[in-house]
Amino acid sequence: MNHDAVLPTFRLEPGTAIAQAHLKTTLPVTLVSAALEVMTDLTQVKAATIGPSTTLRQAEQMMVYQGVRMLFVVTDMPSIEGLITATDLQGEKQMRLVHERNVRYDELCVADVMTDLSMLDAIDHARMRTATVGDVIATLRRFGRNHLLVVESATGQSPHRVRGVISRTQIERQLGQAIDVTPVANSFSEIERALF
């Protein structure tokens, strides 16, 4: 068999079209729909990431460019250090840091306002298989979060890995209605940050 044979070619005709990607349809869901219907599966969709030393303005531009409201903070793929959300970019924390450090907003970076890995709430992927959209909404409300991570358990060959993301805005889009989530402080450090 000849391994460097020239392949036959042909000329394209008018009306030739470009193949279109078949995106996962985001069909309307109900409160009793399977929770996996509203999870962004990171084995199907590439995770949006950013480095901790990236400026907040660049992080905001990245979110707009990628059409997301959350970025995983990563220095060495695939290890996660934390995450940053659109809410983090617009909160009072930045203004407090600008005042405390006597710096300009443009000098702040992702590491200054991101949520560290140890502070993130996660749901076990195996549990998600039997959960409903209503269960997920109740969890978002209980923890006062706009995002939850879905994690696969560690195995002998690999550590815990984030398999998916639950986003309040994604659920709202698929459910066709707004979901009220009130931020909740879950630790003394979060209460302290909220007060000062």
N, C-alpha and C. Protein backbone atom coordinates (compact mmCIF):
# COMPACT_ATOMS: atom_id res chain seq x y z
N MET A 1 0.84 -1.18 0.00
CA MET A 1 0.00 0.00 0.00
C MET A 1 0.89 1.24 0.00
N ASN A 2 0.58 2.18 -0.85
CA ASN A 2 1.34 3.41 -0.95
C ASN A 2 0.85 4.40 0.10
N HIS A 3 1.76 4.83 1.06
CA HIS A 3 1.36 5.71 2.16
C HIS A 3 1.48 7.19 1.84
N ASP A 4 1.90 7.54 0.64
CA ASP A 4 1.99 8.96 0.28
C ASP A 4 1.32 9.22 -1.06
N ALA A 5 0.21 8.53 -1.28
CA ALA A 5 -0.55 8.70 -2.52
C ALA A 5 -1.31 10.02 -2.48
N VAL A 6 -1.38 10.69 -3.59
CA VAL A 6 -2.13 11.94 -3.71
C VAL A 6 -3.62 11.60 -3.71
N LEU A 7 -4.39 12.32 -2.89
CA LEU A 7 -5.83 12.09 -2.82
C LEU A 7 -6.52 12.80 -3.97
N PRO A 8 -7.56 12.21 -4.50
CA PRO A 8 -8.27 12.86 -5.59
C PRO A 8 -9.02 14.10 -5.07
N THR A 9 -9.07 15.15 -5.86
CA THR A 9 -9.78 16.38 -5.50
C THR A 9 -10.85 16.68 -6.53
N PHE A 10 -11.71 17.65 -6.19
CA PHE A 10 -12.74 18.10 -7.13
C PHE A 10 -13.03 19.56 -6.85
N ARG A 11 -13.66 20.24 -7.80
CA ARG A 11 -14.01 21.64 -7.66
C ARG A 11 -15.39 21.77 -7.00
N LEU A 12 -15.53 22.78 -6.16
CA LEU A 12 -16.81 22.99 -5.47
C LEU A 12 -17.80 23.70 -6.37
N GLU A 13 -19.07 23.36 -6.18
CA GLU A 13 -20.15 23.94 -6.95
C GLU A 13 -20.78 25.09 -6.18
N PRO A 14 -21.37 26.06 -6.88
CA PRO A 14 -22.09 27.13 -6.18
C PRO A 14 -23.16 26.54 -5.28
N GLY A 15 -23.35 27.14 -4.10
CA GLY A 15 -24.35 26.65 -3.16
C GLY A 15 -23.79 25.67 -2.14
N THR A 16 -22.48 25.37 -2.24
CA THR A 16 -21.87 24.49 -1.25
C THR A 16 -21.93 25.18 0.11
N ALA A 17 -22.32 24.46 1.14
CA ALA A 17 -22.52 25.05 2.47
C ALA A 17 -21.44 24.57 3.45
N ILE A 18 -21.30 25.31 4.54
CA ILE A 18 -20.40 24.93 5.62
C ILE A 18 -21.17 24.07 6.61
N ALA A 19 -20.58 22.97 7.06
CA ALA A 19 -21.22 22.13 8.06
C ALA A 19 -21.40 22.94 9.34
N GLN A 20 -22.56 22.80 9.96
CA GLN A 20 -22.86 23.53 11.18
C GLN A 20 -22.75 22.60 12.39
N ALA A 21 -22.15 23.12 13.45
CA ALA A 21 -22.02 22.35 14.69
C ALA A 21 -23.41 22.09 15.26
N HIS A 22 -23.59 20.94 15.79
CA HIS A 22 -24.86 20.59 16.42
C HIS A 22 -24.70 20.82 17.92
N LEU A 23 -25.07 22.02 18.35
CA LEU A 23 -24.96 22.35 19.76
C LEU A 23 -26.04 21.62 20.54
N LYS A 24 -25.72 21.33 21.79
CA LYS A 24 -26.71 20.70 22.66
C LYS A 24 -27.90 21.64 22.77
N THR A 25 -29.08 21.13 22.48
CA THR A 25 -30.25 21.98 22.57
C THR A 25 -30.55 22.28 24.03
N THR A 26 -30.91 23.50 24.28
CA THR A 26 -31.29 23.88 25.64
C THR A 26 -32.81 23.98 25.67
N LEU A 27 -33.43 22.82 25.75
CA LEU A 27 -34.88 22.75 25.76
C LEU A 27 -35.41 23.24 27.10
N PRO A 28 -36.64 23.76 27.10
CA PRO A 28 -37.24 24.16 28.37
C PRO A 28 -37.29 22.98 29.32
N VAL A 29 -37.07 23.27 30.59
CA VAL A 29 -37.13 22.23 31.61
C VAL A 29 -38.18 22.63 32.64
N THR A 30 -38.52 21.68 33.49
CA THR A 30 -39.43 21.95 34.60
C THR A 30 -38.69 21.64 35.90
N LEU A 31 -39.33 21.91 37.01
CA LEU A 31 -38.71 21.64 38.31
C LEU A 31 -38.45 20.16 38.54
N VAL A 32 -39.19 19.29 37.85
CA VAL A 32 -39.00 17.85 38.03
C VAL A 32 -38.11 17.22 36.95
N SER A 33 -37.59 18.04 36.04
CA SER A 33 -36.66 17.53 35.03
C SER A 33 -35.37 17.08 35.71
N ALA A 34 -34.66 16.19 35.04
CA ALA A 34 -33.38 15.70 35.57
C ALA A 34 -32.39 16.86 35.70
N ALA A 35 -31.69 16.91 36.82
CA ALA A 35 -30.72 17.98 37.09
C ALA A 35 -29.63 18.03 36.04
N LEU A 36 -29.26 16.88 35.49
CA LEU A 36 -28.20 16.85 34.47
C LEU A 36 -28.58 17.65 33.23
N GLU A 37 -29.88 17.92 33.04
CA GLU A 37 -30.34 18.71 31.89
C GLU A 37 -29.87 20.16 31.96
N VAL A 38 -29.55 20.65 33.17
CA VAL A 38 -29.14 22.04 33.32
C VAL A 38 -27.65 22.18 33.68
N MET A 39 -26.94 21.06 33.68
CA MET A 39 -25.51 21.10 33.99
C MET A 39 -24.70 21.27 32.72
N THR A 40 -23.73 22.18 32.75
CA THR A 40 -22.79 22.29 31.65
C THR A 40 -21.74 21.22 31.88
N ASP A 41 -21.69 20.23 31.00
CA ASP A 41 -20.79 19.09 31.14
C ASP A 41 -19.43 19.44 30.55
N LEU A 42 -18.41 19.50 31.39
CA LEU A 42 -17.08 19.90 30.94
C LEU A 42 -16.36 18.83 30.13
N THR A 43 -16.99 17.66 29.96
CA THR A 43 -16.44 16.68 29.02
C THR A 43 -16.97 16.97 27.61
N GLN A 44 -17.99 17.83 27.52
CA GLN A 44 -18.59 18.19 26.24
C GLN A 44 -18.28 19.63 25.82
N VAL A 45 -18.04 20.49 26.81
CA VAL A 45 -17.78 21.92 26.57
C VAL A 45 -16.48 22.28 27.27
N LYS A 46 -15.59 22.94 26.55
CA LYS A 46 -14.30 23.33 27.13
C LYS A 46 -14.50 24.34 28.25
N ALA A 47 -13.85 24.11 29.37
CA ALA A 47 -13.93 25.03 30.50
C ALA A 47 -13.26 26.36 30.17
N ALA A 48 -13.89 27.45 30.55
CA ALA A 48 -13.32 28.78 30.36
C ALA A 48 -12.38 29.05 31.53
N THR A 49 -11.12 29.33 31.24
CA THR A 49 -10.12 29.51 32.29
C THR A 49 -9.40 30.84 32.15
N ILE A 50 -8.75 31.23 33.26
CA ILE A 50 -7.97 32.47 33.29
C ILE A 50 -6.89 32.31 34.35
N GLY A 51 -5.79 33.01 34.19
CA GLY A 51 -4.70 32.96 35.16
C GLY A 51 -4.93 33.92 36.31
N PRO A 52 -4.38 33.63 37.49
CA PRO A 52 -4.60 34.48 38.66
C PRO A 52 -3.98 35.87 38.56
N SER A 53 -2.97 36.06 37.71
CA SER A 53 -2.32 37.36 37.61
C SER A 53 -2.95 38.25 36.53
N THR A 54 -4.00 37.77 35.88
CA THR A 54 -4.70 38.55 34.86
C THR A 54 -5.45 39.70 35.52
N THR A 55 -5.46 40.87 34.88
CA THR A 55 -6.15 42.02 35.46
C THR A 55 -7.66 41.79 35.44
N LEU A 56 -8.37 42.53 36.29
CA LEU A 56 -9.82 42.40 36.35
C LEU A 56 -10.46 42.86 35.04
N ARG A 57 -9.91 43.88 34.41
CA ARG A 57 -10.45 44.34 33.12
C ARG A 57 -10.31 43.24 32.06
N GLN A 58 -9.16 42.57 32.05
CA GLN A 58 -8.96 41.49 31.09
C GLN A 58 -9.92 40.33 31.38
N ALA A 59 -10.15 40.05 32.67
CA ALA A 59 -11.09 38.99 33.05
C ALA A 59 -12.49 39.32 32.55
N GLU A 60 -12.89 40.57 32.70
CA GLU A 60 -14.20 41.00 32.23
C GLU A 60 -14.31 40.85 30.71
N GLN A 61 -13.26 41.25 29.99
CA GLN A 61 -13.25 41.11 28.54
C GLN A 61 -13.32 39.64 28.13
N MET A 62 -12.62 38.80 28.86
CA MET A 62 -12.63 37.36 28.56
C MET A 62 -14.03 36.79 28.75
N MET A 63 -14.72 37.20 29.82
CA MET A 63 -16.08 36.72 30.05
C MET A 63 -17.00 37.13 28.90
N VAL A 64 -16.90 38.39 28.49
CA VAL A 64 -17.73 38.89 27.39
C VAL A 64 -17.42 38.11 26.11
N TYR A 65 -16.13 37.96 25.80
CA TYR A 65 -15.70 37.27 24.58
C TYR A 65 -16.20 35.83 24.54
N GLN A 66 -16.12 35.14 25.70
CA GLN A 66 -16.52 33.73 25.72
C GLN A 66 -18.00 33.54 26.04
N GLY A 67 -18.70 34.62 26.36
CA GLY A 67 -20.12 34.52 26.65
C GLY A 67 -20.42 33.76 27.93
N VAL A 68 -19.57 33.96 28.95
CA VAL A 68 -19.75 33.29 30.24
C VAL A 68 -19.75 34.32 31.36
N ARG A 69 -20.20 33.90 32.53
CA ARG A 69 -20.20 34.77 33.70
C ARG A 69 -19.32 34.21 34.80
N MET A 70 -18.52 33.18 34.47
CA MET A 70 -17.62 32.56 35.44
C MET A 70 -16.41 31.98 34.72
N LEU A 71 -15.25 32.15 35.33
CA LEU A 71 -14.01 31.58 34.78
C LEU A 71 -13.32 30.78 35.87
N PHE A 72 -12.78 29.63 35.50
CA PHE A 72 -11.94 28.87 36.43
C PHE A 72 -10.57 29.53 36.47
N VAL A 73 -10.03 29.69 37.67
CA VAL A 73 -8.70 30.28 37.82
C VAL A 73 -7.70 29.13 37.87
N VAL A 74 -6.77 29.14 36.91
CA VAL A 74 -5.83 28.04 36.73
C VAL A 74 -4.45 28.59 36.40
N THR A 75 -3.43 28.05 37.07
CA THR A 75 -2.04 28.36 36.70
C THR A 75 -1.48 27.21 35.89
N ASP A 76 -1.62 26.00 36.42
CA ASP A 76 -1.13 24.79 35.74
C ASP A 76 -2.31 23.87 35.46
N MET A 77 -2.73 23.82 34.18
CA MET A 77 -3.84 22.94 33.82
C MET A 77 -3.50 21.52 34.19
N PRO A 78 -4.42 20.73 34.67
CA PRO A 78 -5.83 21.04 34.87
C PRO A 78 -6.18 21.38 36.32
N SER A 79 -5.20 21.71 37.16
CA SER A 79 -5.47 21.99 38.58
C SER A 79 -6.12 23.35 38.77
N ILE A 80 -7.24 23.36 39.49
CA ILE A 80 -8.02 24.57 39.72
C ILE A 80 -7.56 25.23 41.02
N GLU A 81 -7.42 26.55 40.98
CA GLU A 81 -7.09 27.31 42.19
C GLU A 81 -8.32 27.99 42.78
N GLY A 82 -9.32 28.22 41.95
CA GLY A 82 -10.53 28.89 42.38
C GLY A 82 -11.34 29.30 41.19
N LEU A 83 -12.24 30.26 41.39
CA LEU A 83 -13.00 30.79 40.27
C LEU A 83 -13.32 32.25 40.50
N ILE A 84 -13.63 32.92 39.41
CA ILE A 84 -14.03 34.32 39.46
C ILE A 84 -15.30 34.47 38.64
N THR A 85 -16.25 35.24 39.18
CA THR A 85 -17.53 35.43 38.50
C THR A 85 -17.71 36.89 38.13
N ALA A 86 -18.72 37.14 37.31
CA ALA A 86 -19.04 38.52 36.94
C ALA A 86 -19.40 39.32 38.19
N THR A 87 -20.03 38.69 39.16
CA THR A 87 -20.37 39.37 40.41
C THR A 87 -19.10 39.80 41.14
N ASP A 88 -18.06 38.96 41.12
CA ASP A 88 -16.79 39.32 41.76
C ASP A 88 -16.18 40.57 41.13
N LEU A 89 -16.41 40.75 39.83
CA LEU A 89 -15.83 41.89 39.13
C LEU A 89 -16.57 43.19 39.41
N GLN A 90 -17.79 43.09 39.91
CA GLN A 90 -18.60 44.29 40.11
C GLN A 90 -18.95 44.56 41.56
N GLY A 91 -18.41 43.80 42.49
CA GLY A 91 -18.76 43.95 43.89
C GLY A 91 -18.01 45.08 44.58
N GLU A 92 -18.27 45.20 45.86
CA GLU A 92 -17.64 46.24 46.67
C GLU A 92 -16.21 45.88 47.05
N LYS A 93 -15.87 44.62 46.96
CA LYS A 93 -14.54 44.18 47.38
C LYS A 93 -13.43 44.92 46.63
N GLN A 94 -13.61 45.11 45.33
CA GLN A 94 -12.58 45.81 44.55
C GLN A 94 -12.38 47.23 45.05
N MET A 95 -13.47 47.93 45.31
CA MET A 95 -13.36 49.32 45.76
C MET A 95 -12.69 49.38 47.13
N ARG A 96 -12.99 48.42 47.98
CA ARG A 96 -12.34 48.35 49.29
C ARG A 96 -10.85 48.12 49.12
N LEU A 97 -10.46 47.21 48.22
CA LEU A 97 -9.04 46.94 47.97
C LEU A 97 -8.34 48.15 47.37
N VAL A 98 -8.99 48.85 46.47
CA VAL A 98 -8.41 50.06 45.89
C VAL A 98 -8.11 51.07 46.99
N HIS A 99 -9.06 51.24 47.91
CA HIS A 99 -8.89 52.19 49.01
C HIS A 99 -7.81 51.72 49.99
N GLU A 100 -7.87 50.46 50.41
CA GLU A 100 -6.91 49.92 51.38
C GLU A 100 -5.49 49.94 50.86
N ARG A 101 -5.31 49.57 49.62
CA ARG A 101 -3.96 49.45 49.04
C ARG A 101 -3.48 50.73 48.37
N ASN A 102 -4.40 51.68 48.23
CA ASN A 102 -4.08 52.93 47.55
C ASN A 102 -3.56 52.66 46.13
N VAL A 103 -4.35 51.86 45.39
CA VAL A 103 -4.01 51.51 44.01
C VAL A 103 -5.19 51.85 43.12
N ARG A 104 -4.97 51.79 41.82
CA ARG A 104 -6.05 51.98 40.85
C ARG A 104 -6.73 50.62 40.58
N TYR A 105 -7.96 50.68 40.15
CA TYR A 105 -8.71 49.47 39.81
C TYR A 105 -7.94 48.63 38.79
N ASP A 106 -7.31 49.31 37.83
CA ASP A 106 -6.57 48.60 36.78
C ASP A 106 -5.39 47.80 37.32
N GLU A 107 -4.98 48.06 38.55
CA GLU A 107 -3.85 47.33 39.14
C GLU A 107 -4.28 46.07 39.87
N LEU A 108 -5.58 45.88 40.05
CA LEU A 108 -6.07 44.67 40.72
C LEU A 108 -6.08 43.51 39.72
N CYS A 109 -5.84 42.30 40.26
CA CYS A 109 -5.84 41.12 39.41
C CYS A 109 -6.84 40.09 39.93
N VAL A 110 -7.03 39.06 39.16
CA VAL A 110 -7.97 37.99 39.48
C VAL A 110 -7.72 37.42 40.86
N ALA A 111 -6.47 37.20 41.23
CA ALA A 111 -6.14 36.62 42.55
C ALA A 111 -6.64 37.48 43.70
N ASP A 112 -6.81 38.78 43.47
CA ASP A 112 -7.27 39.68 44.52
C ASP A 112 -8.72 39.47 44.90
N VAL A 113 -9.56 39.03 43.97
CA VAL A 113 -11.00 38.95 44.24
C VAL A 113 -11.61 37.56 43.99
N MET A 114 -10.83 36.62 43.50
CA MET A 114 -11.38 35.30 43.18
C MET A 114 -11.81 34.56 44.45
N THR A 115 -12.64 33.56 44.27
CA THR A 115 -13.02 32.68 45.37
C THR A 115 -12.08 31.48 45.33
N ASP A 116 -11.38 31.26 46.43
CA ASP A 116 -10.42 30.16 46.50
C ASP A 116 -11.12 28.81 46.46
N LEU A 117 -10.41 27.83 45.97
CA LEU A 117 -10.93 26.48 45.83
C LEU A 117 -11.57 25.97 47.12
N SER A 118 -10.95 26.25 48.27
CA SER A 118 -11.46 25.75 49.54
C SER A 118 -12.82 26.35 49.93
N MET A 119 -13.22 27.44 49.28
CA MET A 119 -14.49 28.10 49.60
C MET A 119 -15.61 27.74 48.64
N LEU A 120 -15.33 26.90 47.65
CA LEU A 120 -16.32 26.57 46.63
C LEU A 120 -17.23 25.43 47.07
N ASP A 121 -18.50 25.56 46.73
CA ASP A 121 -19.48 24.52 47.02
C ASP A 121 -19.58 23.57 45.84
N ALA A 122 -19.63 22.28 46.12
CA ALA A 122 -19.68 21.28 45.05
C ALA A 122 -20.72 20.21 45.37
N ILE A 123 -21.21 19.59 44.32
CA ILE A 123 -22.16 18.49 44.41
C ILE A 123 -21.51 17.28 43.77
N ASP A 124 -21.70 16.11 44.35
CA ASP A 124 -21.15 14.89 43.78
C ASP A 124 -21.90 14.54 42.49
N HIS A 125 -21.15 14.23 41.45
CA HIS A 125 -21.74 13.90 40.14
C HIS A 125 -22.69 12.71 40.25
N ALA A 126 -22.36 11.73 41.04
CA ALA A 126 -23.23 10.56 41.19
C ALA A 126 -24.59 10.97 41.77
N ARG A 127 -24.60 11.92 42.68
CA ARG A 127 -25.86 12.41 43.28
C ARG A 127 -26.70 13.18 42.25
N MET A 128 -26.02 13.85 41.33
CA MET A 128 -26.72 14.63 40.30
C MET A 128 -27.56 13.73 39.39
N ARG A 129 -27.17 12.47 39.25
CA ARG A 129 -27.90 11.56 38.36
C ARG A 129 -29.33 11.31 38.83
N THR A 130 -29.59 11.47 40.13
CA THR A 130 -30.94 11.23 40.66
C THR A 130 -31.64 12.52 41.10
N ALA A 131 -30.95 13.65 40.98
CA ALA A 131 -31.51 14.94 41.42
C ALA A 131 -32.39 15.56 40.33
N THR A 132 -33.23 16.50 40.75
CA THR A 132 -34.09 17.24 39.82
C THR A 132 -33.63 18.69 39.74
N VAL A 133 -34.16 19.40 38.78
CA VAL A 133 -33.87 20.83 38.64
C VAL A 133 -34.32 21.56 39.91
N GLY A 134 -35.45 21.16 40.47
CA GLY A 134 -35.92 21.75 41.73
C GLY A 134 -34.92 21.58 42.85
N ASP A 135 -34.28 20.40 42.93
CA ASP A 135 -33.25 20.15 43.95
C ASP A 135 -32.07 21.11 43.77
N VAL A 136 -31.69 21.32 42.53
CA VAL A 136 -30.55 22.20 42.23
C VAL A 136 -30.89 23.64 42.62
N ILE A 137 -32.09 24.09 42.29
CA ILE A 137 -32.51 25.45 42.65
C ILE A 137 -32.53 25.61 44.16
N ALA A 138 -33.05 24.63 44.88
CA ALA A 138 -33.07 24.69 46.35
C ALA A 138 -31.65 24.78 46.90
N THR A 139 -30.70 24.09 46.28
CA THR A 139 -29.30 24.12 46.72
C THR A 139 -28.69 25.49 46.46
N LEU A 140 -28.93 26.06 45.27
CA LEU A 140 -28.43 27.40 44.97
C LEU A 140 -28.97 28.41 45.99
N ARG A 141 -30.24 28.30 46.31
CA ARG A 141 -30.86 29.22 47.27
C ARG A 141 -30.29 29.02 48.67
N ARG A 142 -30.13 27.77 49.07
CA ARG A 142 -29.62 27.48 50.42
C ARG A 142 -28.24 28.07 50.64
N PHE A 143 -27.38 27.97 49.62
CA PHE A 143 -26.01 28.46 49.75
C PHE A 143 -25.83 29.88 49.22
N GLY A 144 -26.89 30.47 48.65
CA GLY A 144 -26.82 31.83 48.14
C GLY A 144 -25.80 31.99 47.04
N ARG A 145 -25.74 31.03 46.14
CA ARG A 145 -24.75 31.01 45.07
C ARG A 145 -25.42 31.12 43.70
N ASN A 146 -24.66 31.64 42.74
CA ASN A 146 -25.12 31.67 41.34
C ASN A 146 -24.54 30.49 40.57
N HIS A 147 -23.51 29.85 41.13
CA HIS A 147 -22.86 28.70 40.47
C HIS A 147 -22.58 27.63 41.51
N LEU A 148 -22.67 26.39 41.08
CA LEU A 148 -22.24 25.24 41.87
C LEU A 148 -21.41 24.35 40.96
N LEU A 149 -20.40 23.73 41.53
CA LEU A 149 -19.57 22.81 40.77
C LEU A 149 -20.06 21.39 40.99
N VAL A 150 -19.96 20.58 39.95
CA VAL A 150 -20.32 19.17 40.03
C VAL A 150 -19.02 18.39 39.88
N VAL A 151 -18.71 17.57 40.89
CA VAL A 151 -17.40 16.93 40.97
C VAL A 151 -17.52 15.42 40.94
N GLU A 152 -16.65 14.79 40.13
CA GLU A 152 -16.53 13.33 40.13
C GLU A 152 -15.55 12.93 41.22
N SER A 153 -15.85 11.86 41.91
CA SER A 153 -14.99 11.38 42.99
C SER A 153 -13.63 10.95 42.47
N ALA A 154 -12.65 11.04 43.35
CA ALA A 154 -11.29 10.60 43.00
C ALA A 154 -11.28 9.09 42.79
N THR A 155 -10.38 8.66 41.91
CA THR A 155 -10.17 7.23 41.69
C THR A 155 -8.69 6.95 41.95
N GLY A 156 -8.30 5.71 41.83
CA GLY A 156 -6.88 5.37 42.01
C GLY A 156 -5.99 6.04 40.98
N GLN A 157 -6.54 6.36 39.81
CA GLN A 157 -5.77 6.96 38.73
C GLN A 157 -5.87 8.48 38.66
N SER A 158 -6.92 9.06 39.25
CA SER A 158 -7.08 10.51 39.13
C SER A 158 -7.67 11.12 40.40
N PRO A 159 -7.36 12.41 40.62
CA PRO A 159 -7.93 13.12 41.78
C PRO A 159 -9.38 13.50 41.50
N HIS A 160 -10.04 14.14 42.49
CA HIS A 160 -11.36 14.70 42.22
C HIS A 160 -11.24 15.56 40.96
N ARG A 161 -12.28 15.56 40.15
CA ARG A 161 -12.25 16.46 39.00
C ARG A 161 -13.61 17.09 38.80
N VAL A 162 -13.59 18.38 38.46
CA VAL A 162 -14.83 19.10 38.21
C VAL A 162 -15.37 18.60 36.87
N ARG A 163 -16.53 17.99 36.93
CA ARG A 163 -17.15 17.42 35.73
C ARG A 163 -18.11 18.41 35.08
N GLY A 164 -18.72 19.28 35.92
CA GLY A 164 -19.70 20.19 35.36
C GLY A 164 -19.91 21.42 36.21
N VAL A 165 -20.70 22.33 35.66
CA VAL A 165 -21.04 23.58 36.34
C VAL A 165 -22.55 23.76 36.26
N ILE A 166 -23.13 24.15 37.39
CA ILE A 166 -24.54 24.53 37.44
C ILE A 166 -24.55 26.05 37.54
N SER A 167 -25.27 26.69 36.65
CA SER A 167 -25.34 28.15 36.61
C SER A 167 -26.79 28.59 36.76
N ARG A 168 -27.03 29.52 37.67
CA ARG A 168 -28.38 30.05 37.86
C ARG A 168 -28.93 30.62 36.55
N THR A 169 -28.09 31.36 35.80
CA THR A 169 -28.58 31.97 34.56
C THR A 169 -28.93 30.91 33.51
N GLN A 170 -28.19 29.82 33.47
CA GLN A 170 -28.50 28.72 32.53
C GLN A 170 -29.84 28.09 32.90
N ILE A 171 -30.07 27.88 34.20
CA ILE A 171 -31.35 27.30 34.64
C ILE A 171 -32.49 28.25 34.29
N GLU A 172 -32.30 29.56 34.55
CA GLU A 172 -33.33 30.54 34.23
C GLU A 172 -33.68 30.50 32.74
N ARG A 173 -32.64 30.40 31.91
CA ARG A 173 -32.84 30.35 30.46
C ARG A 173 -33.67 29.13 30.08
N GLN A 174 -33.34 27.98 30.64
CA GLN A 174 -34.04 26.75 30.28
C GLN A 174 -35.41 26.64 30.95
N LEU A 175 -35.53 27.19 32.15
CA LEU A 175 -36.80 27.13 32.88
C LEU A 175 -37.78 28.17 32.36
N GLY A 176 -37.24 29.28 31.82
CA GLY A 176 -38.09 30.33 31.29
C GLY A 176 -38.60 31.28 32.36
N GLN A 177 -37.92 31.31 33.50
CA GLN A 177 -38.32 32.24 34.56
C GLN A 177 -37.14 32.56 35.45
N ALA A 178 -37.22 33.70 36.13
CA ALA A 178 -36.15 34.14 37.03
C ALA A 178 -36.15 33.31 38.31
N ILE A 179 -34.96 33.15 38.87
CA ILE A 179 -34.79 32.45 40.14
C ILE A 179 -34.18 33.43 41.11
N ASP A 180 -34.84 33.64 42.24
CA ASP A 180 -34.33 34.56 43.26
C ASP A 180 -33.34 33.82 44.15
N VAL A 181 -32.09 34.29 44.14
CA VAL A 181 -31.05 33.72 45.00
C VAL A 181 -30.45 34.85 45.82
N THR A 182 -30.59 34.78 47.13
CA THR A 182 -30.04 35.79 48.02
C THR A 182 -28.69 35.32 48.53
N PRO A 183 -27.63 36.14 48.36
CA PRO A 183 -26.31 35.74 48.85
C PRO A 183 -26.36 35.41 50.35
N VAL A 184 -25.66 34.34 50.73
CA VAL A 184 -25.62 33.89 52.11
C VAL A 184 -24.16 33.76 52.53
N ALA A 185 -23.83 34.30 53.70
CA ALA A 185 -22.47 34.13 54.24
C ALA A 185 -22.41 32.77 54.91
N ASN A 186 -21.43 31.95 54.52
CA ASN A 186 -21.31 30.60 55.04
C ASN A 186 -20.13 30.41 55.99
N SER A 187 -19.41 31.48 56.29
CA SER A 187 -18.29 31.37 57.22
C SER A 187 -18.07 32.73 57.87
N PHE A 188 -17.30 32.73 58.96
CA PHE A 188 -17.01 33.99 59.64
C PHE A 188 -16.22 34.94 58.74
N SER A 189 -15.34 34.38 57.89
CA SER A 189 -14.57 35.25 57.01
C SER A 189 -15.48 35.91 55.98
N GLU A 190 -16.51 35.22 55.50
CA GLU A 190 -17.44 35.82 54.56
C GLU A 190 -18.27 36.90 55.24
N ILE A 191 -18.66 36.67 56.51
CA ILE A 191 -19.40 37.70 57.25
C ILE A 191 -18.52 38.92 57.45
N GLU A 192 -17.28 38.70 57.81
CA GLU A 192 -16.35 39.81 58.01
C GLU A 192 -16.16 40.61 56.72
N ARG A 193 -15.99 39.90 55.58
CA ARG A 193 -15.85 40.59 54.30
C ARG A 193 -17.07 41.40 53.97
N ALA A 194 -18.26 40.89 54.30
CA ALA A 194 -19.49 41.60 53.99
C ALA A 194 -19.65 42.85 54.85
N LEU A 195 -19.11 42.82 56.08
CA LEU A 195 -19.24 43.95 56.99
C LEU A 195 -18.23 45.05 56.75
N PHE A 196 -17.05 44.68 56.26
CA PHE A 196 -15.98 45.68 56.14
C PHE A 196 -15.57 45.93 54.73
